[in-house]
Amino acid sequence: MQRQSEQELIDEAYENLPQKIRIGYMTWAIEVSESADSSVNKEFGHMNQLSQKIRLRPDQTPQSLANTFIHECLHAIHWVYGLWRGDPDEEQFANQTANGLCALFQDNPEFETWFLKYNRLSD
């Protein structure tokens, strides 16, 4: 079995992104695009609460993309659940929590399987 090239993995990661995600009562569109100032600000992603869009920069590795996606979802969680207060520590919280969650899932694949199986609401 031939291993995928790095570019094939990157392409696959972007192709398999969900087109939307639900956080609380809101549905967020997922877009891959470079914002006008992302290369200047070194932004990997952006959450826009007014348009309900999460934008992800198109040139990331799969690990960076996964981390950025979680990071932007954490910003959306803050917004939807009323935790957003313009606090500068919110960016630090999103960074540290996204890093920790990525490490948890990456280092413990059996946890992800278990969590997804047993953390669903019953019908």
PDB file of N, CA and C in Angstrom:
ATOM      1  N   MET A   1       0.835  -1.177   0.000  1.00  0.00           N
ATOM      2  CA  MET A   1       0.000   0.000   0.000  1.00  0.00           C
ATOM      3  C   MET A   1       0.889   1.253   0.000  1.00  0.00           C
ATOM      4  N   GLN A   2       0.636   2.128  -0.929  1.00  0.00           N
ATOM      5  CA  GLN A   2       1.454   3.332  -1.085  1.00  0.00           C
ATOM      6  C   GLN A   2       0.985   4.421  -0.122  1.00  0.00           C
ATOM      7  N   ARG A   3       1.931   5.058   0.535  1.00  0.00           N
ATOM      8  CA  ARG A   3       1.607   6.163   1.443  1.00  0.00           C
ATOM      9  C   ARG A   3       1.240   7.394   0.634  1.00  0.00           C
ATOM     10  N   GLN A   4       0.323   8.176   1.199  1.00  0.00           N
ATOM     11  CA  GLN A   4      -0.071   9.424   0.553  1.00  0.00           C
ATOM     12  C   GLN A   4       1.038  10.459   0.704  1.00  0.00           C
ATOM     13  N   SER A   5       1.185  11.280  -0.311  1.00  0.00           N
ATOM     14  CA  SER A   5       2.137  12.382  -0.210  1.00  0.00           C
ATOM     15  C   SER A   5       1.568  13.421   0.752  1.00  0.00           C
ATOM     16  N   GLU A   6       2.414  14.305   1.200  1.00  0.00           N
ATOM     17  CA  GLU A   6       1.961  15.358   2.114  1.00  0.00           C
ATOM     18  C   GLU A   6       0.884  16.210   1.446  1.00  0.00           C
ATOM     19  N   GLN A   7       1.056  16.532   0.177  1.00  0.00           N
ATOM     20  CA  GLN A   7       0.069  17.341  -0.524  1.00  0.00           C
ATOM     21  C   GLN A   7      -1.259  16.598  -0.662  1.00  0.00           C
ATOM     22  N   GLU A   8      -1.214  15.282  -0.873  1.00  0.00           N
ATOM     23  CA  GLU A   8      -2.446  14.496  -0.951  1.00  0.00           C
ATOM     24  C   GLU A   8      -3.190  14.513   0.384  1.00  0.00           C
ATOM     25  N   LEU A   9      -2.444  14.430   1.480  1.00  0.00           N
ATOM     26  CA  LEU A   9      -3.065  14.505   2.815  1.00  0.00           C
ATOM     27  C   LEU A   9      -3.692  15.873   3.045  1.00  0.00           C
ATOM     28  N   ILE A  10      -3.006  16.921   2.633  1.00  0.00           N
ATOM     29  CA  ILE A  10      -3.532  18.276   2.784  1.00  0.00           C
ATOM     30  C   ILE A  10      -4.819  18.422   1.974  1.00  0.00           C
ATOM     31  N   ASP A  11      -4.765  17.981   0.713  1.00  0.00           N
ATOM     32  CA  ASP A  11      -5.947  18.074  -0.145  1.00  0.00           C
ATOM     33  C   ASP A  11      -7.117  17.298   0.442  1.00  0.00           C
ATOM     34  N   GLU A  12      -6.848  16.103   0.947  1.00  0.00           N
ATOM     35  CA  GLU A  12      -7.901  15.271   1.549  1.00  0.00           C
ATOM     36  C   GLU A  12      -8.504  15.936   2.785  1.00  0.00           C
ATOM     37  N   ALA A  13      -7.653  16.539   3.609  1.00  0.00           N
ATOM     38  CA  ALA A  13      -8.141  17.205   4.825  1.00  0.00           C
ATOM     39  C   ALA A  13      -9.106  18.330   4.469  1.00  0.00           C
ATOM     40  N   TYR A  14      -8.774  19.101   3.462  1.00  0.00           N
ATOM     41  CA  TYR A  14      -9.656  20.201   3.050  1.00  0.00           C
ATOM     42  C   TYR A  14     -10.917  19.680   2.371  1.00  0.00           C
ATOM     43  N   GLU A  15     -10.793  18.656   1.542  1.00  0.00           N
ATOM     44  CA  GLU A  15     -11.958  18.103   0.846  1.00  0.00           C
ATOM     45  C   GLU A  15     -12.978  17.517   1.812  1.00  0.00           C
ATOM     46  N   ASN A  16     -12.517  16.997   2.941  1.00  0.00           N
ATOM     47  CA  ASN A  16     -13.407  16.345   3.899  1.00  0.00           C
ATOM     48  C   ASN A  16     -13.894  17.253   5.022  1.00  0.00           C
ATOM     49  N   LEU A  17     -13.579  18.531   4.952  1.00  0.00           N
ATOM     50  CA  LEU A  17     -14.116  19.472   5.942  1.00  0.00           C
ATOM     51  C   LEU A  17     -15.640  19.499   5.841  1.00  0.00           C
ATOM     52  N   PRO A  18     -16.317  19.561   6.970  1.00  0.00           N
ATOM     53  CA  PRO A  18     -17.775  19.734   6.870  1.00  0.00           C
ATOM     54  C   PRO A  18     -18.092  21.095   6.274  1.00  0.00           C
ATOM     55  N   GLN A  19     -19.217  21.196   5.581  1.00  0.00           N
ATOM     56  CA  GLN A  19     -19.620  22.471   4.994  1.00  0.00           C
ATOM     57  C   GLN A  19     -20.301  23.366   6.016  1.00  0.00           C
ATOM     58  N   LYS A  20     -20.796  22.762   7.081  1.00  0.00           N
ATOM     59  CA  LYS A  20     -21.418  23.536   8.152  1.00  0.00           C
ATOM     60  C   LYS A  20     -21.280  22.765   9.449  1.00  0.00           C
ATOM     61  N   ILE A  21     -21.428  23.497  10.532  1.00  0.00           N
ATOM     62  CA  ILE A  21     -21.348  22.903  11.867  1.00  0.00           C
ATOM     63  C   ILE A  21     -22.364  23.617  12.742  1.00  0.00           C
ATOM     64  N   ARG A  22     -22.970  22.876  13.645  1.00  0.00           N
ATOM     65  CA  ARG A  22     -23.955  23.458  14.553  1.00  0.00           C
ATOM     66  C   ARG A  22     -23.316  23.635  15.920  1.00  0.00           C
ATOM     67  N   ILE A  23     -23.408  24.850  16.422  1.00  0.00           N
ATOM     68  CA  ILE A  23     -22.918  25.165  17.763  1.00  0.00           C
ATOM     69  C   ILE A  23     -24.050  25.871  18.473  1.00  0.00           C
ATOM     70  N   GLY A  24     -24.585  25.232  19.508  1.00  0.00           N
ATOM     71  CA  GLY A  24     -25.750  25.783  20.196  1.00  0.00           C
ATOM     72  C   GLY A  24     -26.921  25.868  19.245  1.00  0.00           C
ATOM     73  N   TYR A  25     -27.574  26.995  19.205  1.00  0.00           N
ATOM     74  CA  TYR A  25     -28.732  27.182  18.335  1.00  0.00           C
ATOM     75  C   TYR A  25     -28.354  27.667  16.949  1.00  0.00           C
ATOM     76  N   MET A  26     -27.072  27.888  16.691  1.00  0.00           N
ATOM     77  CA  MET A  26     -26.632  28.492  15.439  1.00  0.00           C
ATOM     78  C   MET A  26     -25.946  27.479  14.531  1.00  0.00           C
ATOM     79  N   THR A  27     -26.179  27.631  13.227  1.00  0.00           N
ATOM     80  CA  THR A  27     -25.479  26.849  12.224  1.00  0.00           C
ATOM     81  C   THR A  27     -24.441  27.760  11.577  1.00  0.00           C
ATOM     82  N   TRP A  28     -23.222  27.284  11.534  1.00  0.00           N
ATOM     83  CA  TRP A  28     -22.089  28.054  11.027  1.00  0.00           C
ATOM     84  C   TRP A  28     -21.622  27.455   9.713  1.00  0.00           C
ATOM     85  N   ALA A  29     -21.477  28.269   8.694  1.00  0.00           N
ATOM     86  CA  ALA A  29     -20.921  27.838   7.414  1.00  0.00           C
ATOM     87  C   ALA A  29     -19.405  27.758   7.554  1.00  0.00           C
ATOM     88  N   ILE A  30     -18.818  26.741   6.947  1.00  0.00           N
ATOM     89  CA  ILE A  30     -17.370  26.580   6.961  1.00  0.00           C
ATOM     90  C   ILE A  30     -16.856  26.948   5.572  1.00  0.00           C
ATOM     91  N   GLU A  31     -15.934  27.883   5.521  1.00  0.00           N
ATOM     92  CA  GLU A  31     -15.367  28.327   4.250  1.00  0.00           C
ATOM     93  C   GLU A  31     -13.851  28.229   4.299  1.00  0.00           C
ATOM     94  N   VAL A  32     -13.295  27.884   3.176  1.00  0.00           N
ATOM     95  CA  VAL A  32     -11.844  27.909   3.031  1.00  0.00           C
ATOM     96  C   VAL A  32     -11.531  29.111   2.160  1.00  0.00           C
ATOM     97  N   SER A  33     -10.940  30.103   2.763  1.00  0.00           N
ATOM     98  CA  SER A  33     -10.562  31.306   2.022  1.00  0.00           C
ATOM     99  C   SER A  33      -9.564  32.093   2.845  1.00  0.00           C
ATOM    100  N   GLU A  34      -8.804  32.863   2.141  1.00  0.00           N
ATOM    101  CA  GLU A  34      -7.822  33.713   2.807  1.00  0.00           C
ATOM    102  C   GLU A  34      -8.448  35.087   2.970  1.00  0.00           C
ATOM    103  N   SER A  35      -8.573  35.537   4.207  1.00  0.00           N
ATOM    104  CA  SER A  35      -9.130  36.867   4.412  1.00  0.00           C
ATOM    105  C   SER A  35      -8.144  37.897   3.892  1.00  0.00           C
ATOM    106  N   ALA A  36      -8.631  39.078   3.664  1.00  0.00           N
ATOM    107  CA  ALA A  36      -7.821  40.133   3.040  1.00  0.00           C
ATOM    108  C   ALA A  36      -6.521  40.392   3.796  1.00  0.00           C
ATOM    109  N   ASP A  37      -6.559  40.271   5.119  1.00  0.00           N
ATOM    110  CA  ASP A  37      -5.348  40.590   5.880  1.00  0.00           C
ATOM    111  C   ASP A  37      -4.759  39.380   6.592  1.00  0.00           C
ATOM    112  N   SER A  38      -5.156  38.162   6.210  1.00  0.00           N
ATOM    113  CA  SER A  38      -4.661  36.986   6.933  1.00  0.00           C
ATOM    114  C   SER A  38      -3.157  36.783   6.775  1.00  0.00           C
ATOM    115  N   SER A  39      -2.619  37.118   5.608  1.00  0.00           N
ATOM    116  CA  SER A  39      -1.177  36.942   5.437  1.00  0.00           C
ATOM    117  C   SER A  39      -0.402  37.998   6.221  1.00  0.00           C
ATOM    118  N   VAL A  40      -0.987  39.164   6.402  1.00  0.00           N
ATOM    119  CA  VAL A  40      -0.334  40.217   7.184  1.00  0.00           C
ATOM    120  C   VAL A  40      -0.430  39.889   8.669  1.00  0.00           C
ATOM    121  N   ASN A  41      -1.628  39.487   9.127  1.00  0.00           N
ATOM    122  CA  ASN A  41      -1.852  39.203  10.540  1.00  0.00           C
ATOM    123  C   ASN A  41      -1.449  37.800  10.949  1.00  0.00           C
ATOM    124  N   LYS A  42      -1.085  36.978   9.972  1.00  0.00           N
ATOM    125  CA  LYS A  42      -0.744  35.573  10.230  1.00  0.00           C
ATOM    126  C   LYS A  42      -1.936  34.815  10.814  1.00  0.00           C
ATOM    127  N   GLU A  43      -3.142  35.167  10.382  1.00  0.00           N
ATOM    128  CA  GLU A  43      -4.350  34.460  10.817  1.00  0.00           C
ATOM    129  C   GLU A  43      -4.445  33.116  10.110  1.00  0.00           C
ATOM    130  N   PHE A  44      -4.772  32.081  10.859  1.00  0.00           N
ATOM    131  CA  PHE A  44      -5.009  30.771  10.273  1.00  0.00           C
ATOM    132  C   PHE A  44      -6.500  30.548  10.042  1.00  0.00           C
ATOM    133  N   GLY A  45      -7.312  31.299  10.772  1.00  0.00           N
ATOM    134  CA  GLY A  45      -8.755  31.180  10.632  1.00  0.00           C
ATOM    135  C   GLY A  45      -9.428  32.385  11.254  1.00  0.00           C
ATOM    136  N   HIS A  46     -10.744  32.438  11.065  1.00  0.00           N
ATOM    137  CA  HIS A  46     -11.505  33.569  11.589  1.00  0.00           C
ATOM    138  C   HIS A  46     -12.947  33.128  11.809  1.00  0.00           C
ATOM    139  N   MET A  47     -13.530  33.549  12.914  1.00  0.00           N
ATOM    140  CA  MET A  47     -14.931  33.300  13.213  1.00  0.00           C
ATOM    141  C   MET A  47     -15.659  34.635  13.130  1.00  0.00           C
ATOM    142  N   ASN A  48     -16.700  34.697  12.306  1.00  0.00           N
ATOM    143  CA  ASN A  48     -17.485  35.919  12.173  1.00  0.00           C
ATOM    144  C   ASN A  48     -18.882  35.648  12.721  1.00  0.00           C
ATOM    145  N   GLN A  49     -19.171  36.245  13.854  1.00  0.00           N
ATOM    146  CA  GLN A  49     -20.451  35.982  14.507  1.00  0.00           C
ATOM    147  C   GLN A  49     -21.631  36.592  13.765  1.00  0.00           C
ATOM    148  N   LEU A  50     -21.422  37.650  13.006  1.00  0.00           N
ATOM    149  CA  LEU A  50     -22.522  38.289  12.285  1.00  0.00           C
ATOM    150  C   LEU A  50     -22.961  37.471  11.074  1.00  0.00           C
ATOM    151  N   SER A  51     -21.997  36.966  10.306  1.00  0.00           N
ATOM    152  CA  SER A  51     -22.342  36.165   9.127  1.00  0.00           C
ATOM    153  C   SER A  51     -22.459  34.675   9.453  1.00  0.00           C
ATOM    154  N   GLN A  52     -22.116  34.298  10.694  1.00  0.00           N
ATOM    155  CA  GLN A  52     -22.119  32.900  11.133  1.00  0.00           C
ATOM    156  C   GLN A  52     -21.250  32.048  10.217  1.00  0.00           C
ATOM    157  N   LYS A  53     -20.029  32.515  10.003  1.00  0.00           N
ATOM    158  CA  LYS A  53     -19.074  31.798   9.162  1.00  0.00           C
ATOM    159  C   LYS A  53     -17.776  31.568   9.914  1.00  0.00           C
ATOM    160  N   ILE A  54     -17.222  30.417   9.671  1.00  0.00           N
ATOM    161  CA  ILE A  54     -15.876  30.104  10.135  1.00  0.00           C
ATOM    162  C   ILE A  54     -15.030  29.963   8.878  1.00  0.00           C
ATOM    163  N   ARG A  55     -14.030  30.816   8.773  1.00  0.00           N
ATOM    164  CA  ARG A  55     -13.145  30.787   7.608  1.00  0.00           C
ATOM    165  C   ARG A  55     -11.811  30.168   8.020  1.00  0.00           C
ATOM    166  N   LEU A  56     -11.312  29.288   7.171  1.00  0.00           N
ATOM    167  CA  LEU A  56     -10.052  28.604   7.416  1.00  0.00           C
ATOM    168  C   LEU A  56      -9.098  28.878   6.260  1.00  0.00           C
ATOM    169  N   ARG A  57      -7.895  29.215   6.590  1.00  0.00           N
ATOM    170  CA  ARG A  57      -6.879  29.541   5.577  1.00  0.00           C
ATOM    171  C   ARG A  57      -6.540  28.291   4.769  1.00  0.00           C
ATOM    172  N   PRO A  58      -6.343  28.436   3.459  1.00  0.00           N
ATOM    173  CA  PRO A  58      -6.207  27.268   2.587  1.00  0.00           C
ATOM    174  C   PRO A  58      -4.840  26.584   2.534  1.00  0.00           C
ATOM    175  N   ASP A  59      -3.831  27.099   3.184  1.00  0.00           N
ATOM    176  CA  ASP A  59      -2.487  26.541   3.005  1.00  0.00           C
ATOM    177  C   ASP A  59      -1.922  25.861   4.251  1.00  0.00           C
ATOM    178  N   GLN A  60      -2.788  25.278   5.078  1.00  0.00           N
ATOM    179  CA  GLN A  60      -2.335  24.675   6.327  1.00  0.00           C
ATOM    180  C   GLN A  60      -2.102  23.172   6.185  1.00  0.00           C
ATOM    181  N   THR A  61      -1.251  22.645   7.041  1.00  0.00           N
ATOM    182  CA  THR A  61      -1.099  21.192   7.114  1.00  0.00           C
ATOM    183  C   THR A  61      -2.363  20.625   7.777  1.00  0.00           C
ATOM    184  N   PRO A  62      -2.621  19.319   7.638  1.00  0.00           N
ATOM    185  CA  PRO A  62      -3.797  18.746   8.286  1.00  0.00           C
ATOM    186  C   PRO A  62      -3.837  18.987   9.796  1.00  0.00           C
ATOM    187  N   GLN A  63      -2.688  18.881  10.472  1.00  0.00           N
ATOM    188  CA  GLN A  63      -2.673  19.117  11.921  1.00  0.00           C
ATOM    189  C   GLN A  63      -2.996  20.569  12.244  1.00  0.00           C
ATOM    190  N   SER A  64      -2.432  21.488  11.499  1.00  0.00           N
ATOM    191  CA  SER A  64      -2.714  22.902  11.720  1.00  0.00           C
ATOM    192  C   SER A  64      -4.172  23.212  11.410  1.00  0.00           C
ATOM    193  N   LEU A  65      -4.702  22.623  10.346  1.00  0.00           N
ATOM    194  CA  LEU A  65      -6.102  22.826   9.982  1.00  0.00           C
ATOM    195  C   LEU A  65      -7.028  22.335  11.085  1.00  0.00           C
ATOM    196  N   ALA A  66      -6.762  21.143  11.620  1.00  0.00           N
ATOM    197  CA  ALA A  66      -7.596  20.599  12.693  1.00  0.00           C
ATOM    198  C   ALA A  66      -7.559  21.504  13.922  1.00  0.00           C
ATOM    199  N   ASN A  67      -6.370  21.966  14.270  1.00  0.00           N
ATOM    200  CA  ASN A  67      -6.218  22.846  15.422  1.00  0.00           C
ATOM    201  C   ASN A  67      -6.943  24.170  15.194  1.00  0.00           C
ATOM    202  N   THR A  68      -6.795  24.728  14.011  1.00  0.00           N
ATOM    203  CA  THR A  68      -7.449  26.002  13.693  1.00  0.00           C
ATOM    204  C   THR A  68      -8.966  25.853  13.714  1.00  0.00           C
ATOM    205  N   PHE A  69      -9.468  24.750  13.185  1.00  0.00           N
ATOM    206  CA  PHE A  69     -10.910  24.499  13.171  1.00  0.00           C
ATOM    207  C   PHE A  69     -11.449  24.464  14.604  1.00  0.00           C
ATOM    208  N   ILE A  70     -10.783  23.714  15.475  1.00  0.00           N
ATOM    209  CA  ILE A  70     -11.205  23.655  16.882  1.00  0.00           C
ATOM    210  C   ILE A  70     -11.103  25.043  17.516  1.00  0.00           C
ATOM    211  N   HIS A  71     -10.025  25.738  17.248  1.00  0.00           N
ATOM    212  CA  HIS A  71      -9.810  27.079  17.799  1.00  0.00           C
ATOM    213  C   HIS A  71     -10.975  28.010  17.435  1.00  0.00           C
ATOM    214  N   GLU A  72     -11.347  28.024  16.159  1.00  0.00           N
ATOM    215  CA  GLU A  72     -12.440  28.907  15.722  1.00  0.00           C
ATOM    216  C   GLU A  72     -13.783  28.447  16.285  1.00  0.00           C
ATOM    217  N   CYS A  73     -13.964  27.145  16.433  1.00  0.00           N
ATOM    218  CA  CYS A  73     -15.195  26.640  17.070  1.00  0.00           C
ATOM    219  C   CYS A  73     -15.271  27.081  18.531  1.00  0.00           C
ATOM    220  N   LEU A  74     -14.122  27.139  19.207  1.00  0.00           N
ATOM    221  CA  LEU A  74     -14.113  27.631  20.589  1.00  0.00           C
ATOM    222  C   LEU A  74     -14.532  29.098  20.654  1.00  0.00           C
ATOM    223  N   HIS A  75     -14.094  29.892  19.684  1.00  0.00           N
ATOM    224  CA  HIS A  75     -14.561  31.283  19.629  1.00  0.00           C
ATOM    225  C   HIS A  75     -16.077  31.323  19.437  1.00  0.00           C
ATOM    226  N   ALA A  76     -16.592  30.472  18.549  1.00  0.00           N
ATOM    227  CA  ALA A  76     -18.041  30.428  18.311  1.00  0.00           C
ATOM    228  C   ALA A  76     -18.786  29.980  19.571  1.00  0.00           C
ATOM    229  N   ILE A  77     -18.245  29.023  20.295  1.00  0.00           N
ATOM    230  CA  ILE A  77     -18.857  28.580  21.555  1.00  0.00           C
ATOM    231  C   ILE A  77     -18.918  29.748  22.534  1.00  0.00           C
ATOM    232  N   HIS A  78     -17.828  30.491  22.629  1.00  0.00           N
ATOM    233  CA  HIS A  78     -17.823  31.668  23.497  1.00  0.00           C
ATOM    234  C   HIS A  78     -18.932  32.637  23.110  1.00  0.00           C
ATOM    235  N   TRP A  79     -19.093  32.860  21.818  1.00  0.00           N
ATOM    236  CA  TRP A  79     -20.107  33.806  21.340  1.00  0.00           C
ATOM    237  C   TRP A  79     -21.522  33.287  21.617  1.00  0.00           C
ATOM    238  N   VAL A  80     -21.796  32.061  21.191  1.00  0.00           N
ATOM    239  CA  VAL A  80     -23.151  31.501  21.282  1.00  0.00           C
ATOM    240  C   VAL A  80     -23.621  31.395  22.737  1.00  0.00           C
ATOM    241  N   TYR A  81     -22.734  31.010  23.622  1.00  0.00           N
ATOM    242  CA  TYR A  81     -23.132  30.782  25.011  1.00  0.00           C
ATOM    243  C   TYR A  81     -22.888  31.991  25.917  1.00  0.00           C
ATOM    244  N   GLY A  82     -22.672  33.136  25.313  1.00  0.00           N
ATOM    245  CA  GLY A  82     -22.593  34.369  26.084  1.00  0.00           C
ATOM    246  C   GLY A  82     -21.348  34.516  26.927  1.00  0.00           C
ATOM    247  N   LEU A  83     -20.290  33.845  26.568  1.00  0.00           N
ATOM    248  CA  LEU A  83     -19.042  33.944  27.324  1.00  0.00           C
ATOM    249  C   LEU A  83     -18.132  35.034  26.784  1.00  0.00           C
ATOM    250  N   TRP A  84     -18.448  35.544  25.604  1.00  0.00           N
ATOM    251  CA  TRP A  84     -17.644  36.557  24.921  1.00  0.00           C
ATOM    252  C   TRP A  84     -17.859  37.903  25.594  1.00  0.00           C
ATOM    253  N   ARG A  85     -16.838  38.455  26.147  1.00  0.00           N
ATOM    254  CA  ARG A  85     -16.940  39.753  26.811  1.00  0.00           C
ATOM    255  C   ARG A  85     -15.865  40.714  26.325  1.00  0.00           C
ATOM    256  N   GLY A  86     -15.252  40.414  25.187  1.00  0.00           N
ATOM    257  CA  GLY A  86     -14.169  41.253  24.699  1.00  0.00           C
ATOM    258  C   GLY A  86     -12.907  41.093  25.521  1.00  0.00           C
ATOM    259  N   ASP A  87     -12.818  40.004  26.241  1.00  0.00           N
ATOM    260  CA  ASP A  87     -11.700  39.737  27.128  1.00  0.00           C
ATOM    261  C   ASP A  87     -10.483  39.300  26.308  1.00  0.00           C
ATOM    262  N   PRO A  88      -9.342  39.981  26.464  1.00  0.00           N
ATOM    263  CA  PRO A  88      -8.157  39.575  25.701  1.00  0.00           C
ATOM    264  C   PRO A  88      -7.681  38.168  26.058  1.00  0.00           C
ATOM    265  N   ASP A  89      -8.037  37.675  27.232  1.00  0.00           N
ATOM    266  CA  ASP A  89      -7.643  36.323  27.627  1.00  0.00           C
ATOM    267  C   ASP A  89      -8.412  35.262  26.852  1.00  0.00           C
ATOM    268  N   GLU A  90      -9.493  35.659  26.165  1.00  0.00           N
ATOM    269  CA  GLU A  90     -10.280  34.693  25.402  1.00  0.00           C
ATOM    270  C   GLU A  90      -9.450  34.084  24.274  1.00  0.00           C
ATOM    271  N   GLU A  91      -8.591  34.864  23.637  1.00  0.00           N
ATOM    272  CA  GLU A  91      -7.721  34.334  22.578  1.00  0.00           C
ATOM    273  C   GLU A  91      -6.741  33.324  23.153  1.00  0.00           C
ATOM    274  N   GLN A  92      -6.191  33.628  24.304  1.00  0.00           N
ATOM    275  CA  GLN A  92      -5.274  32.696  24.963  1.00  0.00           C
ATOM    276  C   GLN A  92      -6.005  31.416  25.341  1.00  0.00           C
ATOM    277  N   PHE A  93      -7.225  31.547  25.870  1.00  0.00           N
ATOM    278  CA  PHE A  93      -8.028  30.377  26.215  1.00  0.00           C
ATOM    279  C   PHE A  93      -8.261  29.505  24.981  1.00  0.00           C
ATOM    280  N   ALA A  94      -8.658  30.130  23.857  1.00  0.00           N
ATOM    281  CA  ALA A  94      -8.922  29.373  22.632  1.00  0.00           C
ATOM    282  C   ALA A  94      -7.658  28.656  22.162  1.00  0.00           C
ATOM    283  N   ASN A  95      -6.523  29.332  22.197  1.00  0.00           N
ATOM    284  CA  ASN A  95      -5.257  28.702  21.788  1.00  0.00           C
ATOM    285  C   ASN A  95      -4.915  27.508  22.665  1.00  0.00           C
ATOM    286  N   GLN A  96      -4.918  27.711  23.963  1.00  0.00           N
ATOM    287  CA  GLN A  96      -4.502  26.652  24.877  1.00  0.00           C
ATOM    288  C   GLN A  96      -5.467  25.477  24.868  1.00  0.00           C
ATOM    289  N   THR A  97      -6.762  25.754  24.804  1.00  0.00           N
ATOM    290  CA  THR A  97      -7.746  24.680  24.808  1.00  0.00           C
ATOM    291  C   THR A  97      -7.704  23.895  23.501  1.00  0.00           C
ATOM    292  N   ALA A  98      -7.588  24.586  22.363  1.00  0.00           N
ATOM    293  CA  ALA A  98      -7.483  23.888  21.074  1.00  0.00           C
ATOM    294  C   ALA A  98      -6.241  23.004  21.047  1.00  0.00           C
ATOM    295  N   ASN A  99      -5.114  23.516  21.535  1.00  0.00           N
ATOM    296  CA  ASN A  99      -3.890  22.714  21.582  1.00  0.00           C
ATOM    297  C   ASN A  99      -4.079  21.477  22.452  1.00  0.00           C
ATOM    298  N   GLY A 100      -4.713  21.650  23.599  1.00  0.00           N
ATOM    299  CA  GLY A 100      -4.942  20.522  24.504  1.00  0.00           C
ATOM    300  C   GLY A 100      -5.892  19.489  23.915  1.00  0.00           C
ATOM    301  N   LEU A 101      -6.969  19.941  23.281  1.00  0.00           N
ATOM    302  CA  LEU A 101      -7.909  18.995  22.674  1.00  0.00           C
ATOM    303  C   LEU A 101      -7.278  18.242  21.510  1.00  0.00           C
ATOM    304  N   CYS A 102      -6.510  18.946  20.685  1.00  0.00           N
ATOM    305  CA  CYS A 102      -5.821  18.264  19.579  1.00  0.00           C
ATOM    306  C   CYS A 102      -4.871  17.191  20.112  1.00  0.00           C
ATOM    307  N   ALA A 103      -4.131  17.528  21.144  1.00  0.00           N
ATOM    308  CA  ALA A 103      -3.207  16.554  21.736  1.00  0.00           C
ATOM    309  C   ALA A 103      -3.977  15.372  22.321  1.00  0.00           C
ATOM    310  N   LEU A 104      -5.084  15.631  22.995  1.00  0.00           N
ATOM    311  CA  LEU A 104      -5.897  14.562  23.575  1.00  0.00           C
ATOM    312  C   LEU A 104      -6.337  13.576  22.503  1.00  0.00           C
ATOM    313  N   PHE A 105      -6.902  14.082  21.404  1.00  0.00           N
ATOM    314  CA  PHE A 105      -7.393  13.200  20.352  1.00  0.00           C
ATOM    315  C   PHE A 105      -6.251  12.542  19.574  1.00  0.00           C
ATOM    316  N   GLN A 106      -5.172  13.275  19.333  1.00  0.00           N
ATOM    317  CA  GLN A 106      -4.046  12.724  18.590  1.00  0.00           C
ATOM    318  C   GLN A 106      -3.338  11.628  19.381  1.00  0.00           C
ATOM    319  N   ASP A 107      -3.151  11.848  20.661  1.00  0.00           N
ATOM    320  CA  ASP A 107      -2.398  10.906  21.490  1.00  0.00           C
ATOM    321  C   ASP A 107      -3.236   9.731  21.987  1.00  0.00           C
ATOM    322  N   ASN A 108      -4.555   9.839  21.883  1.00  0.00           N
ATOM    323  CA  ASN A 108      -5.449   8.826  22.435  1.00  0.00           C
ATOM    324  C   ASN A 108      -6.588   8.495  21.477  1.00  0.00           C
ATOM    325  N   PRO A 109      -6.283   7.867  20.337  1.00  0.00           N
ATOM    326  CA  PRO A 109      -7.341   7.593  19.362  1.00  0.00           C
ATOM    327  C   PRO A 109      -8.463   6.722  19.924  1.00  0.00           C
ATOM    328  N   GLU A 110      -8.142   5.870  20.882  1.00  0.00           N
ATOM    329  CA  GLU A 110      -9.182   5.035  21.479  1.00  0.00           C
ATOM    330  C   GLU A 110     -10.163   5.882  22.299  1.00  0.00           C
ATOM    331  N   PHE A 111      -9.703   6.991  22.850  1.00  0.00           N
ATOM    332  CA  PHE A 111     -10.596   7.896  23.575  1.00  0.00           C
ATOM    333  C   PHE A 111     -11.618   8.510  22.622  1.00  0.00           C
ATOM    334  N   GLU A 112     -11.168   8.933  21.451  1.00  0.00           N
ATOM    335  CA  GLU A 112     -12.076   9.531  20.475  1.00  0.00           C
ATOM    336  C   GLU A 112     -13.183   8.547  20.100  1.00  0.00           C
ATOM    337  N   THR A 113     -12.810   7.301  19.835  1.00  0.00           N
ATOM    338  CA  THR A 113     -13.798   6.273  19.492  1.00  0.00           C
ATOM    339  C   THR A 113     -14.779   6.077  20.637  1.00  0.00           C
ATOM    340  N   TRP A 114     -14.261   5.937  21.844  1.00  0.00           N
ATOM    341  CA  TRP A 114     -15.104   5.746  23.021  1.00  0.00           C
ATOM    342  C   TRP A 114     -16.019   6.945  23.227  1.00  0.00           C
ATOM    343  N   PHE A 115     -15.459   8.139  23.164  1.00  0.00           N
ATOM    344  CA  PHE A 115     -16.220   9.365  23.400  1.00  0.00           C
ATOM    345  C   PHE A 115     -17.368   9.495  22.407  1.00  0.00           C
ATOM    346  N   LEU A 116     -17.079   9.277  21.129  1.00  0.00           N
ATOM    347  CA  LEU A 116     -18.120   9.409  20.105  1.00  0.00           C
ATOM    348  C   LEU A 116     -19.211   8.348  20.263  1.00  0.00           C
ATOM    349  N   LYS A 117     -18.839   7.170  20.738  1.00  0.00           N
ATOM    350  CA  LYS A 117     -19.832   6.100  20.919  1.00  0.00           C
ATOM    351  C   LYS A 117     -20.740   6.375  22.111  1.00  0.00           C
ATOM    352  N   TYR A 118     -20.190   6.804  23.214  1.00  0.00           N
ATOM    353  CA  TYR A 118     -20.958   6.923  24.454  1.00  0.00           C
ATOM    354  C   TYR A 118     -21.427   8.316  24.796  1.00  0.00           C
ATOM    355  N   ASN A 119     -21.040   9.313  24.038  1.00  0.00           N
ATOM    356  CA  ASN A 119     -21.448  10.673  24.345  1.00  0.00           C
ATOM    357  C   ASN A 119     -22.585  11.155  23.447  1.00  0.00           C
ATOM    358  N   ARG A 120     -23.308  10.268  22.850  1.00  0.00           N
ATOM    359  CA  ARG A 120     -24.445  10.629  22.005  1.00  0.00           C
ATOM    360  C   ARG A 120     -25.721  10.573  22.831  1.00  0.00           C
ATOM    361  N   LEU A 121     -26.618  11.472  22.502  1.00  0.00           N
ATOM    362  CA  LEU A 121     -27.924  11.438  23.149  1.00  0.00           C
ATOM    363  C   LEU A 121     -28.693  10.242  22.623  1.00  0.00           C
ATOM    364  N   SER A 122     -29.431   9.578  23.501  1.00  0.00           N
ATOM    365  CA  SER A 122     -30.239   8.445  23.046  1.00  0.00           C
ATOM    366  C   SER A 122     -31.433   8.949  22.262  1.00  0.00           C
ATOM    367  N   ASP A 123     -31.889   8.126  21.340  1.00  0.00           N
ATOM    368  CA  ASP A 123     -33.044   8.504  20.490  1.00  0.00           C
ATOM    369  C   ASP A 123     -34.333   8.511  21.262  1.00  0.00           C
TER     370      ASP A 123
END
